[in-house]
């Protein structure tokens, strides 16, 4: 059985953030997934998509859960830098 890792980027990132980590763990025999969170699949130098401001952490969690349920086994989750602060 192959171990699976899902690497979840932070608010100002994308799947590109995990490039080096993905390569490292794949060389160790892991199957790695680096999904882009909703509205994060753009060039980081461009203006953000307007929908980004109305997307909640629960929206991201729902999207990730839906993706994870398509995998053959439960993955390890690796996350980076997404704070939830009430303003």
PDB file of N, CA and C in Angstrom:
ATOM      1  N   UNK A   1       0.842  -1.175   0.000  1.00  0.00           N
ATOM      2  CA  UNK A   1       0.000   0.000   0.000  1.00  0.00           C
ATOM      3  C   UNK A   1       0.894   1.247   0.000  1.00  0.00           C
ATOM      4  N   UNK A   2       0.625   2.150  -0.912  1.00  0.00           N
ATOM      5  CA  UNK A   2       1.407   3.367  -1.030  1.00  0.00           C
ATOM      6  C   UNK A   2       0.832   4.453  -0.128  1.00  0.00           C
ATOM      7  N   UNK A   3       1.669   5.138   0.606  1.00  0.00           N
ATOM      8  CA  UNK A   3       1.204   6.227   1.464  1.00  0.00           C
ATOM      9  C   UNK A   3       0.904   7.445   0.612  1.00  0.00           C
ATOM     10  N   UNK A   4      -0.153   8.152   0.989  1.00  0.00           N
ATOM     11  CA  UNK A   4      -0.599   9.334   0.244  1.00  0.00           C
ATOM     12  C   UNK A   4      -0.482  10.555   1.149  1.00  0.00           C
ATOM     13  N   UNK A   5       0.000  11.642   0.583  1.00  0.00           N
ATOM     14  CA  UNK A   5       0.052  12.928   1.283  1.00  0.00           C
ATOM     15  C   UNK A   5      -0.727  13.951   0.457  1.00  0.00           C
ATOM     16  N   UNK A   6      -1.600  14.700   1.133  1.00  0.00           N
ATOM     17  CA  UNK A   6      -2.266  15.841   0.507  1.00  0.00           C
ATOM     18  C   UNK A   6      -1.663  17.081   1.154  1.00  0.00           C
ATOM     19  N   UNK A   7      -1.033  17.906   0.329  1.00  0.00           N
ATOM     20  CA  UNK A   7      -0.361  19.117   0.796  1.00  0.00           C
ATOM     21  C   UNK A   7      -1.264  20.311   0.498  1.00  0.00           C
ATOM     22  N   UNK A   8      -1.647  21.020   1.555  1.00  0.00           N
ATOM     23  CA  UNK A   8      -2.626  22.106   1.442  1.00  0.00           C
ATOM     24  C   UNK A   8      -1.905  23.436   1.655  1.00  0.00           C
ATOM     25  N   UNK A   9      -1.928  24.264   0.630  1.00  0.00           N
ATOM     26  CA  UNK A   9      -1.224  25.551   0.692  1.00  0.00           C
ATOM     27  C   UNK A   9      -2.000  26.573   1.515  1.00  0.00           C
ATOM     28  N   UNK A  10      -1.350  27.679   1.808  1.00  0.00           N
ATOM     29  CA  UNK A  10      -1.952  28.747   2.592  1.00  0.00           C
ATOM     30  C   UNK A  10      -2.676  29.776   1.741  1.00  0.00           C
ATOM     31  N   UNK A  11      -3.102  30.839   2.398  1.00  0.00           N
ATOM     32  CA  UNK A  11      -3.951  31.847   1.761  1.00  0.00           C
ATOM     33  C   UNK A  11      -3.290  32.514   0.557  1.00  0.00           C
ATOM     34  N   UNK A  12      -2.029  32.800   0.608  1.00  0.00           N
ATOM     35  CA  UNK A  12      -1.379  33.517  -0.500  1.00  0.00           C
ATOM     36  C   UNK A  12      -0.508  32.594  -1.335  1.00  0.00           C
ATOM     37  N   UNK A  13      -0.906  31.333  -1.408  1.00  0.00           N
ATOM     38  CA  UNK A  13      -0.122  30.353  -2.140  1.00  0.00           C
ATOM     39  C   UNK A  13      -0.938  29.621  -3.182  1.00  0.00           C
ATOM     40  N   UNK A  14      -0.353  28.580  -3.688  1.00  0.00           N
ATOM     41  CA  UNK A  14      -0.986  27.704  -4.666  1.00  0.00           C
ATOM     42  C   UNK A  14      -0.251  26.378  -4.653  1.00  0.00           C
ATOM     43  N   UNK A  15      -0.642  25.488  -5.524  1.00  0.00           N
ATOM     44  CA  UNK A  15       0.007  24.175  -5.556  1.00  0.00           C
ATOM     45  C   UNK A  15       1.509  24.303  -5.804  1.00  0.00           C
ATOM     46  N   UNK A  16       1.915  25.373  -6.485  1.00  0.00           N
ATOM     47  CA  UNK A  16       3.333  25.621  -6.766  1.00  0.00           C
ATOM     48  C   UNK A  16       4.168  25.703  -5.488  1.00  0.00           C
ATOM     49  N   UNK A  17       3.530  26.084  -4.392  1.00  0.00           N
ATOM     50  CA  UNK A  17       4.228  26.253  -3.120  1.00  0.00           C
ATOM     51  C   UNK A  17       4.923  24.961  -2.680  1.00  0.00           C
ATOM     52  N   UNK A  18       4.333  23.819  -3.024  1.00  0.00           N
ATOM     53  CA  UNK A  18       4.792  22.530  -2.534  1.00  0.00           C
ATOM     54  C   UNK A  18       5.770  21.823  -3.462  1.00  0.00           C
ATOM     55  N   UNK A  19       6.234  22.459  -4.515  1.00  0.00           N
ATOM     56  CA  UNK A  19       7.064  21.811  -5.534  1.00  0.00           C
ATOM     57  C   UNK A  19       8.225  21.007  -4.933  1.00  0.00           C
ATOM     58  N   UNK A  20       9.036  21.611  -4.099  1.00  0.00           N
ATOM     59  CA  UNK A  20      10.206  20.932  -3.522  1.00  0.00           C
ATOM     60  C   UNK A  20       9.812  19.834  -2.540  1.00  0.00           C
ATOM     61  N   UNK A  21       8.792  20.088  -1.720  1.00  0.00           N
ATOM     62  CA  UNK A  21       8.328  19.088  -0.766  1.00  0.00           C
ATOM     63  C   UNK A  21       7.761  17.876  -1.508  1.00  0.00           C
ATOM     64  N   UNK A  22       6.978  18.143  -2.554  1.00  0.00           N
ATOM     65  CA  UNK A  22       6.375  17.069  -3.351  1.00  0.00           C
ATOM     66  C   UNK A  22       7.468  16.175  -3.945  1.00  0.00           C
ATOM     67  N   UNK A  23       8.468  16.788  -4.531  1.00  0.00           N
ATOM     68  CA  UNK A  23       9.565  16.033  -5.126  1.00  0.00           C
ATOM     69  C   UNK A  23      10.269  15.187  -4.064  1.00  0.00           C
ATOM     70  N   UNK A  24      10.553  15.774  -2.919  1.00  0.00           N
ATOM     71  CA  UNK A  24      11.238  15.067  -1.840  1.00  0.00           C
ATOM     72  C   UNK A  24      10.445  13.828  -1.408  1.00  0.00           C
ATOM     73  N   UNK A  25       9.160  14.008  -1.122  1.00  0.00           N
ATOM     74  CA  UNK A  25       8.364  12.894  -0.619  1.00  0.00           C
ATOM     75  C   UNK A  25       8.076  11.852  -1.697  1.00  0.00           C
ATOM     76  N   UNK A  26       7.947  12.260  -2.947  1.00  0.00           N
ATOM     77  CA  UNK A  26       7.757  11.291  -4.018  1.00  0.00           C
ATOM     78  C   UNK A  26       9.005  10.421  -4.183  1.00  0.00           C
ATOM     79  N   UNK A  27      10.177  11.006  -3.994  1.00  0.00           N
ATOM     80  CA  UNK A  27      11.422  10.225  -4.034  1.00  0.00           C
ATOM     81  C   UNK A  27      11.490   9.211  -2.897  1.00  0.00           C
ATOM     82  N   UNK A  28      10.745   9.469  -1.816  1.00  0.00           N
ATOM     83  CA  UNK A  28      10.688   8.553  -0.671  1.00  0.00           C
ATOM     84  C   UNK A  28       9.565   7.520  -0.832  1.00  0.00           C
ATOM     85  N   UNK A  29       8.835   7.570  -1.960  1.00  0.00           N
ATOM     86  CA  UNK A  29       7.806   6.579  -2.229  1.00  0.00           C
ATOM     87  C   UNK A  29       6.377   6.992  -1.934  1.00  0.00           C
ATOM     88  N   UNK A  30       6.175   8.237  -1.556  1.00  0.00           N
ATOM     89  CA  UNK A  30       4.822   8.718  -1.281  1.00  0.00           C
ATOM     90  C   UNK A  30       4.141   9.160  -2.578  1.00  0.00           C
ATOM     91  N   UNK A  31       2.834   9.041  -2.592  1.00  0.00           N
ATOM     92  CA  UNK A  31       2.028   9.625  -3.670  1.00  0.00           C
ATOM     93  C   UNK A  31       1.545  10.968  -3.123  1.00  0.00           C
ATOM     94  N   UNK A  32       1.889  12.054  -3.801  1.00  0.00           N
ATOM     95  CA  UNK A  32       1.586  13.398  -3.288  1.00  0.00           C
ATOM     96  C   UNK A  32       0.579  14.123  -4.172  1.00  0.00           C
ATOM     97  N   UNK A  33      -0.329  14.843  -3.516  1.00  0.00           N
ATOM     98  CA  UNK A  33      -1.308  15.672  -4.201  1.00  0.00           C
ATOM     99  C   UNK A  33      -1.188  17.085  -3.649  1.00  0.00           C
ATOM    100  N   UNK A  34      -1.226  18.059  -4.538  1.00  0.00           N
ATOM    101  CA  UNK A  34      -1.115  19.466  -4.139  1.00  0.00           C
ATOM    102  C   UNK A  34      -2.252  20.260  -4.795  1.00  0.00           C
ATOM    103  N   UNK A  35      -3.487  20.052  -4.331  1.00  0.00           N
ATOM    104  CA  UNK A  35      -4.613  20.738  -4.974  1.00  0.00           C
ATOM    105  C   UNK A  35      -4.567  22.252  -4.730  1.00  0.00           C
ATOM    106  N   UNK A  36      -5.009  22.987  -5.741  1.00  0.00           N
ATOM    107  CA  UNK A  36      -5.192  24.429  -5.567  1.00  0.00           C
ATOM    108  C   UNK A  36      -6.518  24.665  -4.863  1.00  0.00           C
ATOM    109  N   UNK A  37      -6.505  25.488  -3.831  1.00  0.00           N
ATOM    110  CA  UNK A  37      -7.757  25.857  -3.189  1.00  0.00           C
ATOM    111  C   UNK A  37      -8.577  26.731  -4.142  1.00  0.00           C
ATOM    112  N   UNK A  38      -9.856  26.760  -3.900  1.00  0.00           N
ATOM    113  CA  UNK A  38     -10.774  27.534  -4.728  1.00  0.00           C
ATOM    114  C   UNK A  38     -10.280  28.978  -4.895  1.00  0.00           C
ATOM    115  N   UNK A  39     -10.239  29.440  -6.133  1.00  0.00           N
ATOM    116  CA  UNK A  39      -9.818  30.792  -6.522  1.00  0.00           C
ATOM    117  C   UNK A  39      -8.321  31.065  -6.319  1.00  0.00           C
ATOM    118  N   UNK A  40      -7.516  30.041  -6.100  1.00  0.00           N
ATOM    119  CA  UNK A  40      -6.080  30.217  -5.911  1.00  0.00           C
ATOM    120  C   UNK A  40      -5.258  29.734  -7.102  1.00  0.00           C
ATOM    121  N   UNK A  41      -5.916  29.324  -8.153  1.00  0.00           N
ATOM    122  CA  UNK A  41      -5.199  28.768  -9.309  1.00  0.00           C
ATOM    123  C   UNK A  41      -4.847  29.853 -10.328  1.00  0.00           C
ATOM    124  N   UNK A  42      -4.273  30.949  -9.835  1.00  0.00           N
ATOM    125  CA  UNK A  42      -3.874  32.060 -10.700  1.00  0.00           C
ATOM    126  C   UNK A  42      -2.415  32.425 -10.425  1.00  0.00           C
ATOM    127  N   UNK A  43      -1.850  33.176 -11.321  1.00  0.00           N
ATOM    128  CA  UNK A  43      -0.489  33.692 -11.147  1.00  0.00           C
ATOM    129  C   UNK A  43      -0.478  34.587  -9.904  1.00  0.00           C
ATOM    130  N   UNK A  44       0.431  34.335  -8.949  1.00  0.00           N
ATOM    131  CA  UNK A  44       0.447  35.138  -7.723  1.00  0.00           C
ATOM    132  C   UNK A  44       0.735  36.621  -7.945  1.00  0.00           C
ATOM    133  N   UNK A  45       1.195  36.985  -9.126  1.00  0.00           N
ATOM    134  CA  UNK A  45       1.470  38.393  -9.416  1.00  0.00           C
ATOM    135  C   UNK A  45       0.230  39.119  -9.946  1.00  0.00           C
ATOM    136  N   UNK A  46      -0.834  38.380 -10.255  1.00  0.00           N
ATOM    137  CA  UNK A  46      -2.055  38.981 -10.792  1.00  0.00           C
ATOM    138  C   UNK A  46      -3.014  39.346  -9.670  1.00  0.00           C
ATOM    139  N   UNK A  47      -3.986  40.188 -10.007  1.00  0.00           N
ATOM    140  CA  UNK A  47      -5.036  40.560  -9.053  1.00  0.00           C
ATOM    141  C   UNK A  47      -5.838  39.316  -8.675  1.00  0.00           C
ATOM    142  N   UNK A  48      -6.224  39.179  -7.407  1.00  0.00           N
ATOM    143  CA  UNK A  48      -7.016  38.016  -7.010  1.00  0.00           C
ATOM    144  C   UNK A  48      -8.414  38.038  -7.636  1.00  0.00           C
ATOM    145  N   UNK A  49      -8.965  36.853  -7.802  1.00  0.00           N
ATOM    146  CA  UNK A  49     -10.326  36.701  -8.287  1.00  0.00           C
ATOM    147  C   UNK A  49     -11.283  37.251  -7.235  1.00  0.00           C
ATOM    148  N   UNK A  50     -12.318  38.025  -7.628  1.00  0.00           N
ATOM    149  CA  UNK A  50     -13.244  38.593  -6.640  1.00  0.00           C
ATOM    150  C   UNK A  50     -13.879  37.559  -5.702  1.00  0.00           C
ATOM    151  N   UNK A  51     -14.105  36.348  -6.186  1.00  0.00           N
ATOM    152  CA  UNK A  51     -14.716  35.318  -5.351  1.00  0.00           C
ATOM    153  C   UNK A  51     -13.882  34.925  -4.155  1.00  0.00           C
ATOM    154  N   UNK A  52     -12.608  35.251  -4.192  1.00  0.00           N
ATOM    155  CA  UNK A  52     -11.719  34.918  -3.088  1.00  0.00           C
ATOM    156  C   UNK A  52     -12.192  35.558  -1.779  1.00  0.00           C
ATOM    157  N   UNK A  53     -12.702  36.774  -1.878  1.00  0.00           N
ATOM    158  CA  UNK A  53     -13.128  37.498  -0.686  1.00  0.00           C
ATOM    159  C   UNK A  53     -14.406  36.977  -0.049  1.00  0.00           C
ATOM    160  N   UNK A  54     -15.134  36.136  -0.746  1.00  0.00           N
ATOM    161  CA  UNK A  54     -16.384  35.599  -0.196  1.00  0.00           C
ATOM    162  C   UNK A  54     -16.298  34.096   0.077  1.00  0.00           C
ATOM    163  N   UNK A  55     -15.115  33.531  -0.049  1.00  0.00           N
ATOM    164  CA  UNK A  55     -14.925  32.102   0.187  1.00  0.00           C
ATOM    165  C   UNK A  55     -14.492  31.887   1.628  1.00  0.00           C
ATOM    166  N   UNK A  56     -15.187  30.986   2.318  1.00  0.00           N
ATOM    167  CA  UNK A  56     -14.894  30.753   3.737  1.00  0.00           C
ATOM    168  C   UNK A  56     -13.981  29.548   3.924  1.00  0.00           C
ATOM    169  N   UNK A  57     -13.456  29.413   5.133  1.00  0.00           N
ATOM    170  CA  UNK A  57     -12.662  28.235   5.463  1.00  0.00           C
ATOM    171  C   UNK A  57     -13.496  26.963   5.334  1.00  0.00           C
ATOM    172  N   UNK A  58     -14.787  27.061   5.625  1.00  0.00           N
ATOM    173  CA  UNK A  58     -15.660  25.895   5.454  1.00  0.00           C
ATOM    174  C   UNK A  58     -15.792  25.511   3.984  1.00  0.00           C
ATOM    175  N   UNK A  59     -15.787  26.502   3.089  1.00  0.00           N
ATOM    176  CA  UNK A  59     -15.805  26.202   1.652  1.00  0.00           C
ATOM    177  C   UNK A  59     -14.552  25.408   1.264  1.00  0.00           C
ATOM    178  N   UNK A  60     -13.403  25.863   1.736  1.00  0.00           N
ATOM    179  CA  UNK A  60     -12.151  25.157   1.448  1.00  0.00           C
ATOM    180  C   UNK A  60     -12.190  23.746   2.028  1.00  0.00           C
ATOM    181  N   UNK A  61     -12.662  23.618   3.262  1.00  0.00           N
ATOM    182  CA  UNK A  61     -12.733  22.306   3.905  1.00  0.00           C
ATOM    183  C   UNK A  61     -13.637  21.365   3.117  1.00  0.00           C
ATOM    184  N   UNK A  62     -14.777  21.871   2.647  1.00  0.00           N
ATOM    185  CA  UNK A  62     -15.701  21.054   1.861  1.00  0.00           C
ATOM    186  C   UNK A  62     -15.033  20.593   0.568  1.00  0.00           C
ATOM    187  N   UNK A  63     -14.372  21.504  -0.127  1.00  0.00           N
ATOM    188  CA  UNK A  63     -13.688  21.149  -1.377  1.00  0.00           C
ATOM    189  C   UNK A  63     -12.621  20.084  -1.137  1.00  0.00           C
ATOM    190  N   UNK A  64     -11.839  20.263  -0.069  1.00  0.00           N
ATOM    191  CA  UNK A  64     -10.775  19.307   0.234  1.00  0.00           C
ATOM    192  C   UNK A  64     -11.338  17.943   0.640  1.00  0.00           C
ATOM    193  N   UNK A  65     -12.410  17.963   1.425  1.00  0.00           N
ATOM    194  CA  UNK A  65     -13.039  16.694   1.818  1.00  0.00           C
ATOM    195  C   UNK A  65     -13.538  15.943   0.582  1.00  0.00           C
ATOM    196  N   UNK A  66     -14.161  16.657  -0.326  1.00  0.00           N
ATOM    197  CA  UNK A  66     -14.665  16.043  -1.559  1.00  0.00           C
ATOM    198  C   UNK A  66     -13.512  15.407  -2.349  1.00  0.00           C
ATOM    199  N   UNK A  67     -12.386  16.124  -2.454  1.00  0.00           N
ATOM    200  CA  UNK A  67     -11.216  15.596  -3.147  1.00  0.00           C
ATOM    201  C   UNK A  67     -10.648  14.376  -2.428  1.00  0.00           C
ATOM    202  N   UNK A  68     -10.493  14.472  -1.121  1.00  0.00           N
ATOM    203  CA  UNK A  68      -9.890  13.393  -0.339  1.00  0.00           C
ATOM    204  C   UNK A  68     -10.727  12.118  -0.429  1.00  0.00           C
ATOM    205  N   UNK A  69     -12.024  12.241  -0.510  1.00  0.00           N
ATOM    206  CA  UNK A  69     -12.888  11.056  -0.611  1.00  0.00           C
ATOM    207  C   UNK A  69     -12.689  10.300  -1.924  1.00  0.00           C
ATOM    208  N   UNK A  70     -12.048  10.918  -2.921  1.00  0.00           N
ATOM    209  CA  UNK A  70     -11.785  10.227  -4.191  1.00  0.00           C
ATOM    210  C   UNK A  70     -10.520   9.370  -4.132  1.00  0.00           C
ATOM    211  N   UNK A  71      -9.730   9.519  -3.081  1.00  0.00           N
ATOM    212  CA  UNK A  71      -8.468   8.784  -2.963  1.00  0.00           C
ATOM    213  C   UNK A  71      -8.701   7.350  -2.501  1.00  0.00           C
ATOM    214  N   UNK A  72      -7.771   6.478  -2.811  1.00  0.00           N
ATOM    215  CA  UNK A  72      -7.892   5.061  -2.478  1.00  0.00           C
ATOM    216  C   UNK A  72      -7.720   4.757  -0.994  1.00  0.00           C
ATOM    217  N   UNK A  73      -7.055   5.634  -0.278  1.00  0.00           N
ATOM    218  CA  UNK A  73      -6.847   5.436   1.154  1.00  0.00           C
ATOM    219  C   UNK A  73      -6.793   6.798   1.842  1.00  0.00           C
ATOM    220  N   UNK A  74      -6.905   6.774   3.154  1.00  0.00           N
ATOM    221  CA  UNK A  74      -6.837   8.022   3.917  1.00  0.00           C
ATOM    222  C   UNK A  74      -5.424   8.583   3.812  1.00  0.00           C
ATOM    223  N   UNK A  75      -5.305   9.875   3.479  1.00  0.00           N
ATOM    224  CA  UNK A  75      -3.974  10.465   3.328  1.00  0.00           C
ATOM    225  C   UNK A  75      -3.465  11.096   4.619  1.00  0.00           C
ATOM    226  N   UNK A  76      -2.186  11.373   4.608  1.00  0.00           N
ATOM    227  CA  UNK A  76      -1.602  12.272   5.592  1.00  0.00           C
ATOM    228  C   UNK A  76      -1.905  13.676   5.079  1.00  0.00           C
ATOM    229  N   UNK A  77      -2.209  14.598   5.965  1.00  0.00           N
ATOM    230  CA  UNK A  77      -2.464  15.977   5.563  1.00  0.00           C
ATOM    231  C   UNK A  77      -1.311  16.852   6.015  1.00  0.00           C
ATOM    232  N   UNK A  78      -0.841  17.695   5.118  1.00  0.00           N
ATOM    233  CA  UNK A  78       0.237  18.625   5.421  1.00  0.00           C
ATOM    234  C   UNK A  78      -0.267  20.008   5.012  1.00  0.00           C
ATOM    235  N   UNK A  79      -0.331  20.922   5.951  1.00  0.00           N
ATOM    236  CA  UNK A  79      -0.861  22.247   5.657  1.00  0.00           C
ATOM    237  C   UNK A  79       0.129  23.342   5.962  1.00  0.00           C
ATOM    238  N   UNK A  80      -0.160  24.522   5.385  1.00  0.00           N
ATOM    239  CA  UNK A  80       0.723  25.653   5.592  1.00  0.00           C
ATOM    240  C   UNK A  80      -0.066  26.954   5.651  1.00  0.00           C
ATOM    241  N   UNK A  81       0.126  27.714   6.709  1.00  0.00           N
ATOM    242  CA  UNK A  81      -0.161  29.132   6.796  1.00  0.00           C
ATOM    243  C   UNK A  81      -1.540  29.610   6.363  1.00  0.00           C
ATOM    244  N   UNK A  82      -2.570  29.216   7.061  1.00  0.00           N
ATOM    245  CA  UNK A  82      -3.865  29.839   6.822  1.00  0.00           C
ATOM    246  C   UNK A  82      -4.488  30.120   8.186  1.00  0.00           C
ATOM    247  N   UNK A  83      -4.365  31.339   8.614  1.00  0.00           N
ATOM    248  CA  UNK A  83      -4.929  31.748   9.888  1.00  0.00           C
ATOM    249  C   UNK A  83      -6.384  32.141   9.715  1.00  0.00           C
ATOM    250  N   UNK A  84      -7.128  31.946  10.757  1.00  0.00           N
ATOM    251  CA  UNK A  84      -8.523  32.371  10.768  1.00  0.00           C
ATOM    252  C   UNK A  84      -8.674  33.308  11.965  1.00  0.00           C
ATOM    253  N   UNK A  85      -8.668  34.593  11.692  1.00  0.00           N
ATOM    254  CA  UNK A  85      -8.784  35.577  12.766  1.00  0.00           C
ATOM    255  C   UNK A  85     -10.070  36.366  12.578  1.00  0.00           C
ATOM    256  N   UNK A  86     -10.750  36.579  13.658  1.00  0.00           N
ATOM    257  CA  UNK A  86     -11.981  37.363  13.623  1.00  0.00           C
ATOM    258  C   UNK A  86     -11.606  38.841  13.732  1.00  0.00           C
ATOM    259  N   UNK A  87     -12.066  39.612  12.790  1.00  0.00           N
ATOM    260  CA  UNK A  87     -11.745  41.056  12.797  1.00  0.00           C
ATOM    261  C   UNK A  87     -12.975  41.855  13.156  1.00  0.00           C
TER     262      UNK A  87
END
